[in-house]
Amino acid sequence: MAELNPSTPKAGGAHRRKRMNLRVDLTAMVDLAFLLITFFIMTTTLAKPKAMDLAMPADEHNEPVSASRSLTLCLGKNNQLMYYLGELKNPVIAPTVTGFNKDGIRKVLLETGKSIHDKTGKNMIVLVKPSDHSLYNNLVNILDELTITDVSTYAIVDINPDDTNMLKQKNIY
């Protein structure tokens, strides 16, 4: 049992007064402290981990893909990206710079996906190429946009020197 005992006066004083021994029982306070600690531990919500689903192919199929179905997104600096449809040397849609907002890349993904599906009957394939100057947050935003626009086939690939040169020309590298 926890208790608090005051010190007694030293002997030899002129007046000896008999003091009552003051005794405070701290057991209830200690019990209350542990109950409060237990309550706050049990009711606190810990930070939940954030994870993104990413499906990887089980086996490798190296099937050629039509360039007219391939939309390439090159992530640059200042929260901007460049996109083009087809090959960079002979694009179906010329390289264009846009942002990550709903009127930017989301509109491009929806319109291009619908156009490709109407022409070929197949879905669009998106190649995401982050540059050295892009932010990780931009890559996550693109993956979110691909999920929102229901793009089922996409890949994150290394950026090549031709794309880097085009980003420099567009002043977003």
Protein backbone atom coordinates (compact mmCIF):
# COMPACT_ATOMS: atom_id res chain seq x y z
CA MET A 1 0.00 0.00 0.00
CA ALA A 2 1.40 3.41 -0.93
CA GLU A 3 1.31 6.05 1.78
CA LEU A 4 2.64 9.48 2.53
CA ASN A 5 4.17 10.07 5.97
CA PRO A 6 5.27 13.57 7.00
CA SER A 7 8.54 13.91 8.85
CA THR A 8 8.30 14.32 12.62
CA PRO A 9 9.93 17.31 14.37
CA LYS A 10 13.31 16.77 15.95
CA ALA A 11 13.57 16.19 19.65
CA GLY A 12 14.89 18.92 21.92
CA GLY A 13 12.43 21.61 21.01
CA ALA A 14 11.02 23.88 23.70
CA HIS A 15 7.51 22.83 23.17
CA ARG A 16 6.68 19.32 22.46
CA ARG A 17 3.42 19.04 20.82
CA LYS A 18 2.11 15.68 19.92
CA ARG A 19 1.29 15.63 16.29
CA MET A 20 -1.19 13.30 14.74
CA ASN A 21 0.34 11.04 12.16
CA LEU A 22 -1.09 12.16 8.79
CA ARG A 23 -1.60 9.25 6.47
CA VAL A 24 -2.76 9.57 2.86
CA ASP A 25 -3.57 6.37 1.04
CA LEU A 26 -2.49 6.66 -2.66
CA THR A 27 -3.64 3.21 -3.74
CA ALA A 28 -6.85 4.49 -5.33
CA MET A 29 -4.96 7.17 -7.29
CA VAL A 30 -2.48 4.62 -8.66
CA ASP A 31 -5.37 2.35 -9.66
CA LEU A 32 -7.10 5.26 -11.39
CA ALA A 33 -3.91 6.17 -13.28
CA PHE A 34 -3.53 2.63 -14.62
CA LEU A 35 -7.19 2.52 -15.59
CA LEU A 36 -6.81 5.80 -17.53
CA ILE A 37 -3.65 4.60 -19.25
CA THR A 38 -5.39 1.36 -20.22
CA PHE A 39 -8.43 3.26 -21.49
CA PHE A 40 -6.38 5.59 -23.71
CA ILE A 41 -4.26 2.74 -25.08
CA MET A 42 -7.36 0.74 -26.01
CA THR A 43 -9.27 3.64 -27.58
CA THR A 44 -6.43 5.25 -29.53
CA THR A 45 -6.47 4.64 -33.26
CA LEU A 46 -3.01 3.99 -34.59
CA ALA A 47 -1.97 5.20 -38.04
CA LYS A 48 -3.22 2.74 -40.60
CA PRO A 49 -0.74 1.76 -43.29
CA LYS A 50 -1.52 3.03 -46.75
CA ALA A 51 -1.01 0.53 -49.53
CA MET A 52 -1.78 0.52 -53.21
CA ASP A 53 -2.79 -2.58 -55.11
CA LEU A 54 -0.39 -3.38 -57.90
CA ALA A 55 -0.92 -6.43 -60.08
CA MET A 56 2.18 -7.88 -61.70
CA PRO A 57 2.13 -10.43 -64.53
CA ALA A 58 2.60 -14.05 -63.48
CA ASP A 59 4.60 -15.06 -66.52
CA GLU A 60 6.28 -13.17 -69.30
CA HIS A 61 4.49 -12.83 -72.60
CA ASN A 62 6.38 -10.73 -75.09
CA GLU A 63 3.59 -9.94 -77.49
CA PRO A 64 4.05 -6.93 -79.76
CA VAL A 65 1.72 -4.05 -79.02
CA SER A 66 0.38 -1.70 -81.63
CA ALA A 67 1.94 1.76 -81.26
CA SER A 68 -1.42 3.37 -82.01
CA ARG A 69 -2.76 1.87 -78.73
CA SER A 70 0.18 3.00 -76.57
CA LEU A 71 -0.14 6.26 -74.68
CA THR A 72 3.15 7.33 -73.10
CA LEU A 73 3.21 9.58 -70.02
CA CYS A 74 6.58 11.15 -69.18
CA LEU A 75 6.59 12.71 -65.72
CA GLY A 76 8.56 15.94 -65.45
CA LYS A 77 9.23 18.63 -62.89
CA ASN A 78 6.85 21.26 -61.46
CA ASN A 79 3.94 18.78 -61.29
CA GLN A 80 3.73 18.56 -65.07
CA LEU A 81 3.87 15.70 -67.52
CA MET A 82 4.18 15.17 -71.23
CA TYR A 83 2.06 12.66 -73.11
CA TYR A 84 1.99 11.34 -76.64
CA LEU A 85 0.24 8.52 -78.47
CA GLY A 86 2.29 6.13 -80.57
CA GLU A 87 6.03 6.36 -81.03
CA LEU A 88 7.92 9.56 -80.26
CA LYS A 89 9.48 9.70 -83.76
CA ASN A 90 6.11 9.31 -85.50
CA PRO A 91 3.35 10.14 -82.97
CA VAL A 92 -0.38 9.83 -83.55
CA ILE A 93 -0.87 12.58 -80.94
CA ALA A 94 2.06 14.99 -80.75
CA PRO A 95 3.88 15.42 -77.42
CA THR A 96 1.83 17.75 -75.25
CA VAL A 97 2.41 19.10 -71.72
CA THR A 98 -0.41 18.97 -69.17
CA GLY A 99 -0.99 18.88 -65.43
CA PHE A 100 -2.30 16.34 -62.95
CA ASN A 101 -5.75 17.86 -62.50
CA LYS A 102 -9.09 16.54 -63.75
CA ASP A 103 -9.04 18.85 -66.78
CA GLY A 104 -5.48 17.75 -67.58
CA ILE A 105 -4.42 14.12 -67.63
CA ARG A 106 -7.77 12.67 -66.57
CA LYS A 107 -9.49 14.23 -69.58
CA VAL A 108 -6.69 12.98 -71.86
CA LEU A 109 -6.95 9.44 -70.48
CA LEU A 110 -10.74 9.33 -70.88
CA GLU A 111 -10.84 10.80 -74.38
CA THR A 112 -7.86 8.84 -75.73
CA GLY A 113 -9.08 5.57 -74.20
CA LYS A 114 -12.53 6.03 -75.74
CA SER A 115 -11.03 6.95 -79.13
CA ILE A 116 -8.74 3.89 -79.17
CA HIS A 117 -11.56 1.57 -78.07
CA ASP A 118 -13.87 2.95 -80.79
CA LYS A 119 -11.22 2.49 -83.51
CA THR A 120 -9.68 -0.85 -82.56
CA GLY A 121 -12.14 -2.47 -80.15
CA LYS A 122 -9.23 -2.97 -77.74
CA ASN A 123 -8.18 -1.13 -74.63
CA MET A 124 -5.47 1.50 -74.43
CA ILE A 125 -2.04 0.63 -72.98
CA VAL A 126 -0.36 3.33 -70.89
CA LEU A 127 3.39 3.54 -70.37
CA VAL A 128 4.39 5.66 -67.37
CA LYS A 129 7.96 6.98 -67.51
CA PRO A 130 9.06 8.95 -64.45
CA SER A 131 12.04 11.25 -65.02
CA ASP A 132 14.83 12.03 -62.59
CA HIS A 133 13.16 15.34 -61.72
CA SER A 134 9.65 14.03 -61.09
CA LEU A 135 8.29 13.50 -57.59
CA TYR A 136 7.16 10.20 -56.12
CA ASN A 137 3.84 11.87 -55.35
CA ASN A 138 3.33 12.47 -59.08
CA LEU A 139 3.79 8.76 -59.80
CA VAL A 140 1.18 7.94 -57.15
CA ASN A 141 -1.16 10.55 -58.63
CA ILE A 142 -0.81 9.01 -62.10
CA LEU A 143 -1.55 5.54 -60.72
CA ASP A 144 -4.63 6.99 -59.02
CA GLU A 145 -5.75 8.61 -62.27
CA LEU A 146 -5.30 5.31 -64.11
CA THR A 147 -7.51 3.65 -61.51
CA ILE A 148 -10.12 6.43 -61.66
CA THR A 149 -10.29 6.33 -65.47
CA ASP A 150 -10.44 2.51 -65.43
CA VAL A 151 -7.27 1.92 -67.47
CA SER A 152 -6.63 -1.79 -67.03
CA THR A 153 -3.28 -2.16 -68.79
CA TYR A 154 -0.34 0.02 -67.81
CA ALA A 155 3.35 -0.32 -67.05
CA ILE A 156 5.96 1.74 -65.24
CA VAL A 157 9.08 1.74 -67.38
CA ASP A 158 12.42 3.53 -67.45
CA ILE A 159 12.58 6.75 -69.37
CA ASN A 160 14.79 6.72 -72.47
CA PRO A 161 17.11 9.51 -73.71
CA ASP A 162 14.72 10.54 -76.50
CA ASP A 163 11.93 11.17 -73.98
CA THR A 164 14.36 13.05 -71.73
CA ASN A 165 15.39 15.28 -74.63
CA MET A 166 11.74 16.00 -75.44
CA LEU A 167 11.09 16.90 -71.77
CA LYS A 168 14.04 19.32 -71.97
CA GLN A 169 12.57 20.88 -75.13
CA LYS A 170 9.24 21.30 -73.35
CA ASN A 171 11.14 22.84 -70.38
CA ILE A 172 9.82 20.38 -67.78
CA TYR A 173 12.98 18.33 -67.18
